[in-house]
């Protein structure tokens, strides 16, 4: 996985500070892919679609998978890039929902490899805020985080825990890590 240009996943449960970290890295000039699921929830809600994770999770994640593949394909060659979640996150969410994971999700991961070390942010109640796209309770966020950790490990990734720090210190941690 590390022979490709570095496509670095930042993951963790809902409300752990991933988007803030991604936005900070983007401000530093790095190519970043924002969280596809949030964008899809906003888009699907705006058109009155039932293809939402709380109504039709299989439909929703099929669309998210396509968008994640498109985002992976859009990374300029030889760039270090950061992704707010990766394909294994979808697999974890499907497992949490008790949905059998279609084999094409694993095939998509094999065809679109990321860096083998995943930066993972822990659940952090002090910064957790539910909103229209983040409907889970903090307790559910903890369970999702555990499923995400297990799924990445099962998929052969090594997890690198990002400590609970200020946004600036988290950016510094990530930049030190990629060096």
Protein backbone atom coordinates (compact mmCIF):
# COMPACT_ATOMS: atom_id res chain seq x y z
CA UNK A 1 0.00 0.00 0.00
CA UNK A 2 2.83 2.45 0.67
CA UNK A 3 4.25 2.27 -2.89
CA UNK A 4 1.56 4.67 -4.16
CA UNK A 5 1.52 8.42 -3.59
CA UNK A 6 0.51 8.87 0.01
CA UNK A 7 -3.27 8.78 0.35
CA UNK A 8 -3.72 9.20 4.07
CA UNK A 9 -6.98 8.39 5.84
CA UNK A 10 -8.09 10.27 8.92
CA UNK A 11 -10.84 8.33 10.64
CA UNK A 12 -12.67 7.84 13.91
CA UNK A 13 -16.18 7.93 15.22
CA UNK A 14 -18.63 10.77 14.62
CA UNK A 15 -17.77 14.09 16.25
CA UNK A 16 -14.12 13.33 17.06
CA UNK A 17 -12.66 16.36 15.24
CA UNK A 18 -11.84 14.83 11.85
CA UNK A 19 -13.37 17.63 9.77
CA UNK A 20 -11.62 20.32 11.83
CA UNK A 21 -8.31 18.52 11.32
CA UNK A 22 -8.92 18.05 7.58
CA UNK A 23 -9.83 21.74 7.20
CA UNK A 24 -6.65 22.73 9.04
CA UNK A 25 -4.51 20.53 6.79
CA UNK A 26 -6.23 22.00 3.73
CA UNK A 27 -5.37 25.49 5.01
CA UNK A 28 -1.75 24.30 5.19
CA UNK A 29 -1.91 23.62 1.43
CA UNK A 30 -2.52 19.87 1.44
CA UNK A 31 -4.97 18.21 -0.94
CA UNK A 32 -7.87 17.07 1.22
CA UNK A 33 -11.06 15.18 0.54
CA UNK A 34 -13.92 16.25 2.78
CA UNK A 35 -16.22 13.64 4.34
CA UNK A 36 -18.41 12.21 1.58
CA UNK A 37 -21.15 10.96 3.92
CA UNK A 38 -21.93 14.43 5.32
CA UNK A 39 -22.10 15.91 1.83
CA UNK A 40 -24.34 13.05 0.64
CA UNK A 41 -26.71 13.46 3.60
CA UNK A 42 -27.07 17.17 2.81
CA UNK A 43 -27.62 16.49 -0.91
CA UNK A 44 -30.08 13.63 -0.43
CA UNK A 45 -32.06 15.53 2.20
CA UNK A 46 -32.27 18.59 -0.06
CA UNK A 47 -33.95 16.58 -2.83
CA UNK A 48 -36.26 14.70 -0.49
CA UNK A 49 -34.58 11.37 -1.17
CA UNK A 50 -35.04 8.29 1.01
CA UNK A 51 -31.45 7.26 0.19
CA UNK A 52 -30.27 8.27 3.69
CA UNK A 53 -28.42 6.18 6.26
CA UNK A 54 -31.35 6.08 8.67
CA UNK A 55 -33.86 5.17 5.91
CA UNK A 56 -31.95 3.04 3.38
CA UNK A 57 -28.39 2.45 4.49
CA UNK A 58 -27.53 0.11 1.59
CA UNK A 59 -28.61 2.69 -1.01
CA UNK A 60 -26.81 5.45 0.86
CA UNK A 61 -23.48 3.67 1.17
CA UNK A 62 -23.56 2.48 -2.44
CA UNK A 63 -23.64 6.17 -3.43
CA UNK A 64 -20.97 7.04 -0.85
CA UNK A 65 -18.70 4.28 -2.20
CA UNK A 66 -18.95 5.70 -5.72
CA UNK A 67 -18.15 9.21 -4.45
CA UNK A 68 -15.19 7.93 -2.39
CA UNK A 69 -13.78 6.19 -5.46
CA UNK A 70 -14.21 9.41 -7.47
CA UNK A 71 -12.42 11.37 -4.71
CA UNK A 72 -9.59 8.80 -4.66
CA UNK A 73 -9.25 9.09 -8.45
CA UNK A 74 -9.10 12.92 -8.29
CA UNK A 75 -5.95 13.12 -6.18
CA UNK A 76 -3.14 14.74 -8.17
CA UNK A 77 -0.23 12.39 -8.78
CA UNK A 78 2.66 12.48 -6.29
CA UNK A 79 0.70 14.51 -3.73
CA UNK A 80 0.30 13.76 -0.09
CA UNK A 81 -3.45 13.80 0.35
CA UNK A 82 -5.77 13.41 3.30
CA UNK A 83 -9.18 11.75 3.28
CA UNK A 84 -11.87 12.40 5.88
CA UNK A 85 -12.78 8.70 6.12
CA UNK A 86 -11.99 5.90 3.68
CA UNK A 87 -13.73 2.87 2.18
CA UNK A 88 -13.24 0.78 5.36
CA UNK A 89 -15.42 3.30 7.22
CA UNK A 90 -18.35 2.29 5.01
CA UNK A 91 -17.68 -1.36 5.79
CA UNK A 92 -17.68 -0.57 9.52
CA UNK A 93 -20.96 1.35 9.34
CA UNK A 94 -22.61 -1.51 7.45
CA UNK A 95 -21.38 -3.98 10.08
CA UNK A 96 -22.76 -1.79 12.89
CA UNK A 97 -26.11 -1.76 11.08
CA UNK A 98 -26.05 -5.55 10.80
CA UNK A 99 -25.94 -5.40 6.99
CA UNK A 100 -23.90 -7.97 5.06
CA UNK A 101 -21.03 -6.14 3.39
CA UNK A 102 -21.16 -6.64 -0.40
CA UNK A 103 -17.96 -8.12 -1.80
CA UNK A 104 -17.58 -5.17 -4.19
CA UNK A 105 -16.73 -2.92 -1.21
CA UNK A 106 -13.67 -5.05 -0.48
CA UNK A 107 -12.85 -5.17 -4.21
CA UNK A 108 -13.08 -1.37 -4.37
CA UNK A 109 -10.68 -1.11 -1.42
CA UNK A 110 -8.21 -3.44 -3.15
CA UNK A 111 -8.36 -1.32 -6.33
CA UNK A 112 -8.08 1.98 -4.45
CA UNK A 113 -5.39 1.49 -1.81
CA UNK A 114 -4.57 4.01 0.88
CA UNK A 115 -1.47 4.45 3.01
CA UNK A 116 -1.20 1.45 5.33
CA UNK A 117 -1.22 3.55 8.50
CA UNK A 118 -4.52 5.22 9.36
CA UNK A 119 -4.71 8.23 11.63
CA UNK A 120 -7.62 7.65 14.01
CA UNK A 121 -9.19 10.16 16.33
CA UNK A 122 -10.77 8.93 19.59
CA UNK A 123 -14.29 9.72 20.78
CA UNK A 124 -14.15 13.04 22.63
CA UNK A 125 -17.26 14.02 24.54
CA UNK A 126 -16.08 17.60 25.15
CA UNK A 127 -16.20 18.40 21.42
CA UNK A 128 -19.05 16.08 20.39
CA UNK A 129 -22.03 17.98 18.99
CA UNK A 130 -24.93 16.23 17.22
CA UNK A 131 -26.34 18.01 14.18
CA UNK A 132 -28.52 17.30 11.13
CA UNK A 133 -25.89 15.01 9.60
CA UNK A 134 -24.61 13.52 12.88
CA UNK A 135 -27.67 11.99 14.47
CA UNK A 136 -25.93 9.47 16.73
CA UNK A 137 -25.65 9.84 20.50
CA UNK A 138 -22.17 10.03 22.00
CA UNK A 139 -22.58 6.45 23.23
CA UNK A 140 -23.33 5.35 19.66
CA UNK A 141 -20.29 7.31 18.46
CA UNK A 142 -18.14 5.23 20.84
CA UNK A 143 -19.56 1.98 19.41
CA UNK A 144 -19.03 3.19 15.83
CA UNK A 145 -15.45 4.17 16.67
CA UNK A 146 -14.79 0.66 17.98
CA UNK A 147 -16.25 -0.88 14.81
CA UNK A 148 -14.11 1.44 12.69
CA UNK A 149 -10.96 0.43 14.60
CA UNK A 150 -11.80 -3.29 14.25
CA UNK A 151 -12.58 -2.96 10.53
CA UNK A 152 -9.38 -1.12 9.67
CA UNK A 153 -7.37 -3.70 11.59
CA UNK A 154 -9.21 -6.58 9.84
CA UNK A 155 -8.46 -4.90 6.49
CA UNK A 156 -4.72 -4.93 7.28
CA UNK A 157 -4.17 -1.31 8.30
CA UNK A 158 -2.11 -0.13 11.27
CA UNK A 159 -3.84 2.41 13.48
CA UNK A 160 -2.07 5.54 14.67
CA UNK A 161 -3.95 7.24 17.49
CA UNK A 162 -4.16 11.01 17.25
CA UNK A 163 -4.25 12.42 20.78
CA UNK A 164 -6.88 14.78 22.13
CA UNK A 165 -5.14 18.08 21.47
CA UNK A 166 -6.07 21.52 20.19
CA UNK A 167 -6.66 21.73 16.42
CA UNK A 168 -3.26 23.39 15.92
CA UNK A 169 -1.49 20.69 17.95
CA UNK A 170 -3.33 17.94 16.07
CA UNK A 171 -2.20 19.44 12.75
CA UNK A 172 1.38 19.52 14.05
CA UNK A 173 1.04 15.87 15.19
CA UNK A 174 -0.15 14.81 11.71
CA UNK A 175 2.55 16.79 9.91
CA UNK A 176 5.24 15.27 12.16
CA UNK A 177 3.75 11.84 11.50
CA UNK A 178 3.87 12.13 7.69
CA UNK A 179 7.52 13.17 7.79
